[in-house]
């Protein structure tokens, strides 16, 4: 009953000075709201990036040229990966499919419409390996890939940009001024923020290399492995290798000839003490590294937002110290009629907790509203925000702790006032 009376009087005290109470809670409101909104954006970004990586395909190994260094100075990328390398890798045990891959930006036009978009060149297995499905029409055939056929498969966004609601099948588009016949459209994967897989054009790798980009080497070789196969064994590179590395590895012992590293080192005639002129990235490793980096980013966002809670706590302490000074005679009266130090301490501590609790609740509502409203703003409509209940509970709990921590000193100061001096206070 005593606790309920203290809580009720705390609310009455806050309501008696609405403006001052609101200003004292403002730091808590902003801090909790910022924590929830920022972590919601971080969680959304994490989901988008992981979905983007997973949509590339399963059990995927990506073989790319390594960065060349000479005397500690890094130059360009090695120009040694060939179509013959891709054929050799397709014969390895545990490998289900391989596709040579090249990619670049190009101007794609139809009539008076045009789009500057990404053009990916691959073999017929490209769609299987990269987890693309054909929605309309077909993909190009092996014969078309070998014969430098000018055929193209459009992503649904590219198709919409060029043809609107009309079907593009059988129509001819210009890619960098060269006519291509549209034979298919892929199923939508969804915009993933930093990259939209639906805004692409897919053509045979031979056509892309010789007609569009004038390349004689590959940008990438994608290797899809069978289920249950150890990707580290297939790659032939250390399990602890950094998936974001751009340099080739030096091997302490020669990699087995049943691995990607072993085959490519032999084909590229690399000496035993020479680093690889390629790098192998596992999809699983990239997901793990991306998750770690995103968590670091989320912690950074939360730390910045928690500064507002700290400022809010200082504001509460300041207001409570002023309140103690204003209510000195009240404290003296309470003590004179029998209130003990712990009763005064509890009264002012509860007031501080109520202030931070109400501020935390209002901040949580503001944070959830911001998180839900950000994607509705046209300029931010590609952002995904995910409000996690655990984050909301944690933010409110931290706000309550801030109230206890910063309200403890004013409450203690109030409880230690001498009743005689308090009654004589003007």
Protein backbone atom coordinates (compact mmCIF):
# COMPACT_ATOMS: atom_id res chain seq x y z
CA UNK A 1 0.00 0.00 0.00
CA UNK A 2 2.84 2.38 0.88
CA UNK A 3 4.53 1.65 -2.47
CA UNK A 4 1.30 2.36 -4.35
CA UNK A 5 0.91 5.69 -2.51
CA UNK A 6 4.51 6.60 -3.44
CA UNK A 7 3.94 5.71 -7.12
CA UNK A 8 0.70 7.73 -7.20
CA UNK A 9 2.36 10.74 -5.62
CA UNK A 10 5.21 10.42 -8.13
CA UNK A 11 2.77 10.68 -11.02
CA UNK A 12 1.08 13.64 -9.34
CA UNK A 13 4.45 15.35 -8.95
CA UNK A 14 5.26 14.79 -12.65
CA UNK A 15 1.85 16.04 -13.77
CA UNK A 16 2.19 19.15 -11.61
CA UNK A 17 5.17 20.22 -13.74
CA UNK A 18 4.28 18.81 -17.16
CA UNK A 19 6.67 20.91 -19.25
CA UNK A 20 9.64 20.33 -16.99
CA UNK A 21 8.92 16.60 -16.77
CA UNK A 22 8.61 16.34 -20.54
CA UNK A 23 11.90 18.16 -21.08
CA UNK A 24 13.57 15.88 -18.53
CA UNK A 25 12.22 12.80 -20.34
CA UNK A 26 13.11 14.09 -23.80
CA UNK A 27 16.63 12.64 -23.75
CA UNK A 28 15.25 9.23 -22.72
CA UNK A 29 12.55 9.39 -25.40
CA UNK A 30 15.05 10.28 -28.14
CA UNK A 31 17.59 7.74 -26.91
CA UNK A 32 15.19 4.79 -26.76
CA UNK A 33 13.60 5.77 -30.07
CA UNK A 34 17.00 6.08 -31.74
CA UNK A 35 18.17 2.70 -30.38
CA UNK A 36 15.08 0.89 -31.67
CA UNK A 37 15.00 2.66 -35.06
CA UNK A 38 18.74 2.25 -35.74
CA UNK A 39 18.81 -1.41 -34.72
CA UNK A 40 15.71 -2.02 -36.85
CA UNK A 41 17.57 -0.56 -39.83
CA UNK A 42 20.62 -2.68 -38.98
CA UNK A 43 18.53 -5.85 -38.73
CA UNK A 44 16.87 -5.03 -42.05
CA UNK A 45 20.22 -4.42 -43.73
CA UNK A 46 21.50 -7.72 -42.35
CA UNK A 47 18.48 -9.56 -43.73
CA UNK A 48 18.85 -7.92 -47.14
CA UNK A 49 22.56 -8.69 -47.46
CA UNK A 50 22.21 -12.30 -46.29
CA UNK A 51 19.24 -12.84 -48.62
CA UNK A 52 21.28 -11.41 -51.48
CA UNK A 53 24.18 -13.78 -50.78
CA UNK A 54 21.90 -16.79 -50.32
CA UNK A 55 20.01 -16.00 -53.53
CA UNK A 56 23.24 -16.50 -55.48
CA UNK A 57 22.85 -20.24 -55.08
CA UNK A 58 23.69 -23.05 -52.69
CA UNK A 59 27.01 -24.87 -52.18
CA UNK A 60 28.63 -22.21 -54.33
CA UNK A 61 32.34 -21.54 -54.77
CA UNK A 62 33.41 -18.46 -56.71
CA UNK A 63 36.85 -18.47 -58.31
CA UNK A 64 38.13 -15.00 -59.17
CA UNK A 65 41.47 -13.50 -60.24
CA UNK A 66 43.80 -12.48 -57.43
CA UNK A 67 45.28 -9.03 -57.05
CA UNK A 68 48.86 -8.77 -58.25
CA UNK A 69 51.51 -7.24 -55.97
CA UNK A 70 55.09 -6.36 -56.74
CA UNK A 71 57.48 -5.08 -54.08
CA UNK A 72 54.56 -4.54 -51.70
CA UNK A 73 52.69 -2.40 -54.24
CA UNK A 74 49.36 -3.75 -55.47
CA UNK A 75 48.52 -3.53 -59.13
CA UNK A 76 45.62 -4.89 -61.14
CA UNK A 77 44.02 -8.31 -61.15
CA UNK A 78 45.69 -11.37 -62.68
CA UNK A 79 44.62 -12.05 -66.26
CA UNK A 80 45.01 -15.81 -66.33
CA UNK A 81 41.56 -17.38 -65.89
CA UNK A 82 40.30 -19.01 -69.08
CA UNK A 83 37.36 -20.98 -70.37
CA UNK A 84 39.63 -24.05 -70.40
CA UNK A 85 40.10 -23.58 -66.64
CA UNK A 86 36.35 -23.80 -66.18
CA UNK A 87 36.21 -27.01 -68.23
CA UNK A 88 38.99 -28.52 -66.09
CA UNK A 89 37.19 -27.63 -62.85
CA UNK A 90 34.00 -29.29 -64.05
CA UNK A 91 35.82 -32.65 -63.94
CA UNK A 92 36.69 -32.44 -60.22
CA UNK A 93 35.01 -34.88 -57.79
CA UNK A 94 32.13 -33.35 -55.85
CA UNK A 95 31.47 -30.69 -58.51
CA UNK A 96 27.98 -30.69 -59.99
CA UNK A 97 28.11 -27.74 -62.38
CA UNK A 98 30.50 -25.01 -63.53
CA UNK A 99 29.89 -21.81 -65.44
CA UNK A 100 32.35 -19.29 -66.85
CA UNK A 101 31.18 -15.79 -66.01
CA UNK A 102 31.86 -12.27 -67.22
CA UNK A 103 30.04 -9.12 -66.23
CA UNK A 104 29.93 -5.46 -67.09
CA UNK A 105 27.68 -2.46 -67.48
CA UNK A 106 26.03 -1.72 -70.81
CA UNK A 107 23.41 0.49 -72.42
CA UNK A 108 20.35 -1.58 -73.34
CA UNK A 109 17.81 0.05 -75.66
CA UNK A 110 14.48 -0.76 -77.29
CA UNK A 111 12.84 1.86 -79.44
CA UNK A 112 13.00 5.14 -77.58
CA UNK A 113 13.54 3.48 -74.21
CA UNK A 114 16.93 2.63 -72.79
CA UNK A 115 18.45 1.43 -69.53
CA UNK A 116 22.03 1.44 -68.22
CA UNK A 117 22.19 -1.93 -66.52
CA UNK A 118 24.38 -4.90 -65.67
CA UNK A 119 25.03 -7.54 -68.33
CA UNK A 120 26.05 -11.01 -67.11
CA UNK A 121 27.56 -13.57 -69.44
CA UNK A 122 27.42 -17.25 -68.55
CA UNK A 123 26.88 -20.75 -69.85
CA UNK A 124 23.59 -22.66 -69.79
CA UNK A 125 24.37 -23.75 -66.23
CA UNK A 126 24.60 -20.14 -65.03
CA UNK A 127 20.88 -19.97 -64.17
CA UNK A 128 20.99 -23.22 -62.18
CA UNK A 129 24.13 -22.28 -60.27
CA UNK A 130 23.02 -18.72 -59.49
CA UNK A 131 19.50 -19.84 -58.58
CA UNK A 132 17.69 -17.96 -61.36
CA UNK A 133 14.45 -19.43 -62.70
CA UNK A 134 12.87 -18.70 -66.07
CA UNK A 135 9.42 -17.14 -65.76
CA UNK A 136 8.63 -16.68 -69.47
CA UNK A 137 10.27 -18.09 -72.58
CA UNK A 138 13.53 -20.01 -72.19
CA UNK A 139 17.21 -19.64 -71.45
CA UNK A 140 19.85 -19.86 -74.19
CA UNK A 141 21.13 -23.29 -75.24
CA UNK A 142 24.59 -24.83 -75.30
CA UNK A 143 24.69 -24.49 -79.08
CA UNK A 144 23.83 -20.80 -78.83
CA UNK A 145 26.58 -20.29 -76.23
CA UNK A 146 29.18 -22.03 -78.39
CA UNK A 147 28.04 -20.23 -81.53
CA UNK A 148 28.20 -16.67 -80.17
CA UNK A 149 24.44 -16.35 -80.59
CA UNK A 150 22.97 -12.89 -80.01
CA UNK A 151 20.23 -13.97 -77.63
CA UNK A 152 19.37 -12.46 -74.27
CA UNK A 153 17.34 -13.24 -71.16
CA UNK A 154 16.03 -10.19 -69.32
CA UNK A 155 15.45 -9.64 -65.64
CA UNK A 156 11.85 -8.60 -64.89
CA UNK A 157 12.83 -5.03 -63.92
CA UNK A 158 14.84 -4.57 -67.11
CA UNK A 159 11.97 -6.01 -69.14
CA UNK A 160 9.54 -3.60 -67.50
CA UNK A 161 11.84 -0.62 -68.05
CA UNK A 162 12.17 -1.38 -71.76
CA UNK A 163 8.77 -2.85 -72.68
CA UNK A 164 6.37 -1.75 -69.96
CA UNK A 165 3.46 -4.21 -69.78
CA UNK A 166 4.16 -5.66 -73.25
CA UNK A 167 5.85 -9.02 -73.74
CA UNK A 168 9.48 -8.73 -74.88
CA UNK A 169 9.73 -12.33 -76.13
CA UNK A 170 10.95 -12.42 -79.70
CA UNK A 171 11.68 -8.69 -79.73
CA UNK A 172 15.14 -7.34 -80.49
CA UNK A 173 17.02 -5.03 -78.15
CA UNK A 174 20.30 -3.21 -78.63
CA UNK A 175 23.07 -3.89 -76.11
CA UNK A 176 25.87 -1.40 -76.65
CA UNK A 177 24.48 -0.95 -80.14
CA UNK A 178 24.41 -4.68 -81.04
CA UNK A 179 21.07 -6.34 -81.75
CA UNK A 180 20.02 -9.24 -79.49
CA UNK A 181 16.84 -11.31 -79.59
CA UNK A 182 15.00 -11.64 -76.26
CA UNK A 183 14.27 -15.33 -75.58
CA UNK A 184 13.25 -15.29 -71.91
CA UNK A 185 12.51 -13.43 -68.67
CA UNK A 186 13.66 -14.56 -65.22
CA UNK A 187 11.45 -14.82 -62.15
CA UNK A 188 11.71 -11.91 -59.73
CA UNK A 189 14.03 -12.29 -56.76
CA UNK A 190 13.28 -8.88 -55.27
CA UNK A 191 15.31 -5.73 -54.83
CA UNK A 192 18.05 -6.31 -52.25
CA UNK A 193 18.93 -2.67 -51.59
CA UNK A 194 22.56 -2.42 -52.67
CA UNK A 195 21.98 -4.64 -55.73
CA UNK A 196 18.91 -5.61 -57.71
CA UNK A 197 19.28 -9.06 -59.35
CA UNK A 198 16.10 -8.41 -61.34
CA UNK A 199 17.68 -5.49 -63.20
CA UNK A 200 20.09 -7.50 -65.38
CA UNK A 201 20.53 -8.88 -68.86
CA UNK A 202 21.90 -12.41 -69.33
CA UNK A 203 23.71 -13.43 -72.52
CA UNK A 204 26.02 -16.32 -73.49
CA UNK A 205 29.52 -15.81 -72.08
CA UNK A 206 31.13 -16.19 -75.51
CA UNK A 207 28.98 -13.41 -76.92
CA UNK A 208 29.67 -11.18 -73.90
CA UNK A 209 33.43 -11.74 -74.09
CA UNK A 210 33.92 -11.27 -77.82
CA UNK A 211 31.14 -8.91 -78.89
CA UNK A 212 30.27 -6.78 -75.87
CA UNK A 213 33.34 -6.45 -73.66
CA UNK A 214 36.25 -7.55 -75.86
CA UNK A 215 37.66 -9.84 -73.15
CA UNK A 216 39.85 -12.89 -73.60
CA UNK A 217 39.90 -13.92 -69.93
CA UNK A 218 37.15 -14.67 -67.43
CA UNK A 219 36.05 -12.43 -64.60
CA UNK A 220 34.84 -15.40 -62.56
CA UNK A 221 34.23 -19.14 -62.56
CA UNK A 222 31.27 -20.30 -60.49
CA UNK A 223 31.41 -23.84 -59.13
CA UNK A 224 28.36 -25.59 -57.68
CA UNK A 225 29.16 -28.55 -55.43
CA UNK A 226 27.06 -31.57 -54.52
CA UNK A 227 25.18 -31.64 -51.20
CA UNK A 228 27.29 -32.87 -48.30
CA UNK A 229 30.60 -32.04 -49.98
CA UNK A 230 33.18 -30.19 -47.86
CA UNK A 231 33.66 -26.90 -49.73
CA UNK A 232 37.08 -26.37 -48.13
CA UNK A 233 38.28 -29.69 -49.53
CA UNK A 234 37.02 -28.80 -53.01
CA UNK A 235 38.55 -25.33 -52.89
CA UNK A 236 41.95 -26.53 -51.66
CA UNK A 237 42.45 -23.33 -49.66
CA UNK A 238 42.74 -22.97 -45.85
CA UNK A 239 39.46 -23.11 -43.92
CA UNK A 240 40.51 -19.98 -42.01
CA UNK A 241 41.06 -17.95 -45.18
CA UNK A 242 39.56 -14.49 -45.20
CA UNK A 243 36.68 -14.59 -47.73
CA UNK A 244 37.18 -10.91 -48.56
CA UNK A 245 40.86 -11.28 -49.42
CA UNK A 246 41.95 -10.03 -52.83
CA UNK A 247 45.42 -11.56 -52.88
CA UNK A 248 46.28 -15.16 -53.68
CA UNK A 249 47.41 -17.55 -50.92
CA UNK A 250 50.77 -19.11 -50.49
CA UNK A 251 50.47 -22.81 -49.65
CA UNK A 252 52.77 -24.43 -47.08
CA UNK A 253 52.09 -27.76 -48.75
CA UNK A 254 50.91 -28.30 -52.34
CA UNK A 255 47.09 -28.48 -52.54
CA UNK A 256 45.69 -31.83 -53.75
CA UNK A 257 45.09 -32.27 -57.45
CA UNK A 258 41.45 -33.05 -56.68
CA UNK A 259 40.92 -29.45 -55.58
CA UNK A 260 40.37 -26.17 -57.40
CA UNK A 261 43.65 -24.74 -56.11
CA UNK A 262 45.61 -27.80 -57.19
CA UNK A 263 44.17 -27.84 -60.72
CA UNK A 264 44.56 -24.10 -61.32
CA UNK A 265 48.11 -23.94 -59.94
CA UNK A 266 49.10 -26.75 -62.31
CA UNK A 267 47.35 -25.16 -65.29
CA UNK A 268 48.87 -21.73 -64.56
CA UNK A 269 52.33 -23.26 -64.04
CA UNK A 270 52.85 -21.65 -60.63
CA UNK A 271 56.05 -22.43 -58.73
CA UNK A 272 55.82 -23.96 -55.24
CA UNK A 273 56.86 -20.72 -53.50
CA UNK A 274 54.52 -18.56 -55.61
CA UNK A 275 51.14 -17.34 -54.33
CA UNK A 276 47.96 -18.28 -56.16
CA UNK A 277 46.98 -15.96 -59.01
CA UNK A 278 43.34 -16.66 -58.14
CA UNK A 279 41.17 -16.66 -55.03
CA UNK A 280 38.32 -18.99 -54.05
CA UNK A 281 35.39 -17.62 -52.08
CA UNK A 282 32.84 -19.86 -50.40
CA UNK A 283 29.28 -18.67 -50.05
CA UNK A 284 29.16 -19.96 -46.47
CA UNK A 285 32.32 -18.04 -45.55
CA UNK A 286 30.98 -14.86 -47.11
CA UNK A 287 27.73 -15.19 -45.13
CA UNK A 288 29.67 -15.70 -41.88
CA UNK A 289 31.94 -12.73 -42.56
CA UNK A 290 29.02 -10.52 -43.62
CA UNK A 291 27.14 -11.46 -40.43
CA UNK A 292 30.13 -10.52 -38.26
CA UNK A 293 30.58 -7.20 -40.03
CA UNK A 294 26.88 -6.36 -39.80
CA UNK A 295 26.81 -7.16 -36.08
CA UNK A 296 29.74 -4.80 -35.60
CA UNK A 297 27.82 -2.16 -37.55
CA UNK A 298 24.70 -2.71 -35.43
CA UNK A 299 26.68 -2.43 -32.20
CA UNK A 300 28.17 0.83 -33.45
CA UNK A 301 24.69 2.19 -34.23
CA UNK A 302 23.40 1.15 -30.81
CA UNK A 303 26.41 2.73 -29.07
CA UNK A 304 25.78 6.04 -30.79
CA UNK A 305 22.10 5.93 -29.83
CA UNK A 306 22.92 5.00 -26.21
CA UNK A 307 24.72 8.33 -25.86
CA UNK A 308 21.28 9.96 -26.02
CA UNK A 309 20.19 7.77 -23.11
CA UNK A 310 23.23 8.91 -21.14
CA UNK A 311 22.37 12.54 -21.85
CA UNK A 312 18.77 11.84 -20.90
CA UNK A 313 19.90 10.31 -17.61
CA UNK A 314 21.94 13.41 -16.78
CA UNK A 315 18.88 15.52 -17.54
CA UNK A 316 16.77 13.45 -15.14
CA UNK A 317 19.40 13.78 -12.41
CA UNK A 318 19.51 17.53 -12.91
CA UNK A 319 15.72 17.86 -12.68
CA UNK A 320 15.58 15.61 -9.61
CA UNK A 321 18.22 17.72 -7.84
CA UNK A 322 16.14 20.82 -8.56
CA UNK A 323 13.06 18.98 -7.28
CA UNK A 324 14.81 18.05 -4.05
CA UNK A 325 15.75 21.71 -3.51
CA UNK A 326 12.20 22.89 -4.22
CA UNK A 327 10.65 20.31 -1.89
CA UNK A 328 13.05 20.72 1.03
CA UNK A 329 10.31 21.89 3.42
CA UNK A 330 8.08 19.00 2.30
CA UNK A 331 10.88 16.56 3.08
CA UNK A 332 11.35 18.18 6.50
CA UNK A 333 7.63 17.88 7.22
CA UNK A 334 7.57 14.20 6.24
CA UNK A 335 10.51 13.46 8.47
CA UNK A 336 8.98 15.43 11.33
CA UNK A 337 5.87 13.24 11.29
CA UNK A 338 7.82 10.00 11.26
CA UNK A 339 9.09 9.31 7.70
CA UNK A 340 12.42 7.49 7.72
CA UNK A 341 15.38 8.06 5.45
CA UNK A 342 14.55 4.97 3.41
CA UNK A 343 11.00 6.28 2.82
CA UNK A 344 12.32 9.56 1.41
CA UNK A 345 14.94 7.67 -0.63
CA UNK A 346 12.28 5.36 -2.06
CA UNK A 347 9.94 8.25 -2.87
CA UNK A 348 12.43 10.19 -4.98
CA UNK A 349 13.91 7.04 -6.53
CA UNK A 350 10.45 5.91 -7.63
CA UNK A 351 9.83 9.37 -9.14
CA UNK A 352 13.03 9.03 -11.15
CA UNK A 353 12.12 5.51 -12.29
CA UNK A 354 8.60 6.60 -13.26
CA UNK A 355 10.04 9.48 -15.29
CA UNK A 356 12.49 7.22 -17.12
CA UNK A 357 9.89 4.45 -17.52
CA UNK A 358 7.32 6.77 -19.08
CA UNK A 359 10.06 8.28 -21.27
CA UNK A 360 11.22 4.80 -22.28
CA UNK A 361 7.69 3.75 -23.23
CA UNK A 362 7.11 6.91 -25.29
CA UNK A 363 10.55 6.43 -26.87
CA UNK A 364 9.71 2.83 -27.77
CA UNK A 365 6.51 3.94 -29.48
CA UNK A 366 8.44 6.63 -31.36
CA UNK A 367 11.18 4.17 -32.37
CA UNK A 368 8.68 1.60 -33.66
CA UNK A 369 6.86 4.34 -35.55
CA UNK A 370 10.10 5.55 -37.13
CA UNK A 371 11.14 2.02 -38.07
CA UNK A 372 7.79 1.33 -39.72
CA UNK A 373 7.66 4.74 -41.38
CA UNK A 374 11.16 4.93 -42.89
CA UNK A 375 10.41 2.47 -45.78
CA UNK A 376 7.29 4.50 -46.62
CA UNK A 377 9.42 7.52 -47.55
CA UNK A 378 10.03 7.32 -51.34
CA UNK A 379 13.77 7.97 -51.11
CA UNK A 380 14.15 5.17 -48.52
CA UNK A 381 11.70 2.66 -50.00
CA UNK A 382 14.50 0.18 -50.73
CA UNK A 383 15.39 -0.04 -47.05
CA UNK A 384 14.07 -2.93 -44.98
CA UNK A 385 13.52 -2.39 -41.26
CA UNK A 386 12.89 -5.19 -38.77
CA UNK A 387 11.74 -4.33 -35.24
CA UNK A 388 12.88 -7.07 -32.88
CA UNK A 389 10.84 -7.44 -29.65
CA UNK A 390 14.00 -8.23 -27.70
CA UNK A 391 15.49 -4.87 -28.75
CA UNK A 392 12.36 -3.00 -27.59
CA UNK A 393 12.44 -4.75 -24.20
CA UNK A 394 16.17 -4.14 -23.86
CA UNK A 395 15.83 -0.43 -24.71
CA UNK A 396 13.07 0.11 -22.14
CA UNK A 397 15.04 -1.86 -19.54
CA UNK A 398 18.13 0.28 -20.16
CA UNK A 399 15.96 3.39 -19.79
CA UNK A 400 14.70 2.11 -16.42
CA UNK A 401 18.27 1.38 -15.33
CA UNK A 402 19.29 4.89 -16.36
CA UNK A 403 16.49 6.24 -14.16
CA UNK A 404 17.70 4.21 -11.18
CA UNK A 405 21.36 5.09 -11.72
CA UNK A 406 20.90 8.81 -12.22
CA UNK A 407 18.06 9.14 -9.69
CA UNK A 408 19.96 7.44 -6.90
CA UNK A 409 22.13 10.43 -5.95
CA UNK A 410 19.28 13.00 -5.79
CA UNK A 411 17.19 10.49 -3.78
CA UNK A 412 20.06 9.80 -1.42
CA UNK A 413 20.66 13.54 -1.00
CA UNK A 414 16.99 14.07 -0.18
CA UNK A 415 16.99 11.25 2.38
CA UNK A 416 20.00 12.71 4.21
CA UNK A 417 18.48 16.14 4.79
CA UNK A 418 18.26 17.18 8.43
CA UNK A 419 14.54 17.62 9.28
CA UNK A 420 15.12 20.73 11.44
CA UNK A 421 17.18 22.45 8.74
CA UNK A 422 14.66 21.36 6.10
CA UNK A 423 11.74 22.90 8.03
CA UNK A 424 13.64 26.19 8.39
CA UNK A 425 14.46 26.24 4.63
CA UNK A 426 12.94 29.22 2.82
